[in-house]
Amino acid sequence: MRIGELSRRTGVSIRLLRYYEEQGLLSPERGANGYRNFRDSDVGAVRQIRTLLAAGLPTHTIAWLLPCVRDEGERLVLCTEMAEDLRGERARIDRQIETLMASRELLDDVISAAHD
């Protein structure tokens, strides 16, 4: 299928699909005319990519995980050997949350000082 059809079937913009390709997340074949030819399985791959992005994972981590991800309906399942690496990603996200919470507290102080 062409990129426009993949976009329609997934609800993801053509621009984002091209970005996923640039990041190594999708690997369409190219026809003699130079057009991208996506497989039906790429619809599921885009769903997996979107889910992993929503989980806060960067694209380089997703590219590394995708070969190990299975779609089981409402959830994604990955190889058990990847779980430890994902724990590291979770710790990274926890650190970001802590930093954001500290920033919010500082901003609250600034806002409170403006009201005094």
Protein backbone atom coordinates (compact mmCIF):
# COMPACT_ATOMS: atom_id res chain seq x y z
CA MET A 1 0.00 0.00 0.00
CA ARG A 2 1.13 3.54 -0.58
CA ILE A 3 1.86 6.01 2.20
CA GLY A 4 -1.48 7.82 1.85
CA GLU A 5 -3.36 4.58 2.43
CA LEU A 6 -1.23 3.76 5.47
CA SER A 7 -1.96 7.24 6.79
CA ARG A 8 -5.71 6.74 6.31
CA ARG A 9 -5.67 3.30 7.94
CA THR A 10 -3.65 4.38 10.97
CA GLY A 11 -4.74 7.99 11.44
CA VAL A 12 -1.08 9.04 11.43
CA SER A 13 0.01 11.87 9.17
CA ILE A 14 2.14 11.21 6.12
CA ARG A 15 4.80 13.47 7.58
CA LEU A 16 5.01 11.34 10.75
CA LEU A 17 5.14 8.13 8.73
CA ARG A 18 8.10 9.53 6.80
CA TYR A 19 9.73 10.46 10.11
CA TYR A 20 9.22 6.91 11.40
CA GLU A 21 10.91 5.66 8.25
CA GLU A 22 13.84 8.07 8.75
CA GLN A 23 14.21 6.79 12.32
CA GLY A 24 14.33 3.17 11.13
CA LEU A 25 10.93 2.29 12.62
CA LEU A 26 9.34 1.45 9.26
CA SER A 27 11.09 -0.06 6.25
CA PRO A 28 8.86 0.10 3.20
CA GLU A 29 10.02 -1.26 -0.10
CA ARG A 30 10.42 1.17 -2.98
CA GLY A 31 8.75 0.57 -6.29
CA ALA A 32 10.40 1.22 -9.64
CA ASN A 33 8.63 4.59 -9.59
CA GLY A 34 10.29 5.43 -6.25
CA TYR A 35 7.03 5.28 -4.29
CA ARG A 36 7.01 3.65 -0.88
CA ASN A 37 5.19 0.32 -0.73
CA PHE A 38 4.07 -0.57 2.80
CA ARG A 39 2.94 -4.01 3.91
CA ASP A 40 -0.37 -4.68 5.67
CA SER A 41 1.66 -5.57 8.77
CA ASP A 42 2.90 -1.96 8.87
CA VAL A 43 -0.56 -0.92 10.11
CA GLY A 44 0.10 -2.93 13.28
CA ALA A 45 3.69 -1.67 13.46
CA VAL A 46 2.45 1.93 13.44
CA ARG A 47 0.08 1.08 16.31
CA GLN A 48 2.99 -0.39 18.24
CA ILE A 49 5.15 2.66 17.54
CA ARG A 50 2.39 5.01 18.71
CA THR A 51 1.88 3.02 21.90
CA LEU A 52 5.60 2.96 22.71
CA LEU A 53 5.92 6.68 21.99
CA ALA A 54 2.96 7.36 24.28
CA ALA A 55 4.80 5.34 26.96
CA GLY A 56 7.59 7.93 26.77
CA LEU A 57 10.17 5.90 24.88
CA PRO A 58 12.48 7.66 22.41
CA THR A 59 12.50 6.47 18.80
CA HIS A 60 16.00 4.94 19.05
CA THR A 61 14.76 2.70 21.88
CA ILE A 62 11.61 1.83 19.94
CA ALA A 63 13.68 0.85 16.90
CA TRP A 64 15.63 -1.53 19.11
CA LEU A 65 12.47 -2.96 20.75
CA LEU A 66 10.19 -3.39 17.72
CA PRO A 67 11.57 -6.73 16.53
CA CYS A 68 10.70 -8.15 19.95
CA VAL A 69 7.19 -6.68 20.35
CA ARG A 70 4.00 -8.72 19.90
CA ASP A 71 0.58 -7.16 19.70
CA GLU A 72 -1.94 -9.04 21.83
CA GLY A 73 -5.07 -7.04 21.20
CA GLU A 74 -5.29 -4.30 23.79
CA ARG A 75 -1.67 -4.53 24.95
CA LEU A 76 1.84 -5.02 23.69
CA VAL A 77 4.02 -7.85 24.94
CA LEU A 78 7.77 -7.97 24.50
CA CYS A 79 10.57 -10.46 25.01
CA THR A 80 11.41 -10.99 28.67
CA GLU A 81 15.07 -10.12 28.11
CA MET A 82 14.02 -6.57 27.22
CA ALA A 83 12.24 -5.97 30.54
CA GLU A 84 15.40 -4.93 32.41
CA ASP A 85 16.27 -2.35 29.79
CA LEU A 86 12.75 -0.97 30.01
CA ARG A 87 13.14 -0.67 33.75
CA GLY A 88 16.04 1.66 32.99
CA GLU A 89 13.80 3.69 30.70
CA ARG A 90 11.21 3.85 33.48
CA ALA A 91 13.84 5.14 35.90
CA ARG A 92 14.77 7.82 33.34
CA ILE A 93 11.11 8.88 33.12
CA ASP A 94 10.89 8.92 36.94
CA ARG A 95 13.86 11.30 37.04
CA GLN A 96 12.18 13.56 34.49
CA ILE A 97 9.00 13.60 36.58
CA GLU A 98 10.97 14.57 39.68
CA THR A 99 12.65 17.40 37.77
CA LEU A 100 9.31 18.63 36.45
CA MET A 101 7.75 18.52 39.92
CA ALA A 102 10.64 20.59 41.32
CA SER A 103 10.18 23.08 38.46
CA ARG A 104 6.48 23.29 39.20
CA GLU A 105 7.16 24.00 42.88
CA LEU A 106 9.55 26.81 41.93
CA LEU A 107 7.00 28.23 39.53
CA ASP A 108 4.35 28.09 42.26
CA ASP A 109 6.70 30.10 44.50
CA VAL A 110 7.13 32.72 41.78
CA ILE A 111 3.37 32.92 41.21
CA SER A 112 2.73 33.20 44.95
CA ALA A 113 5.28 36.00 45.26
CA ALA A 114 3.45 37.90 42.50
CA HIS A 115 0.24 37.83 44.55
CA ASP A 116 1.90 39.20 47.71
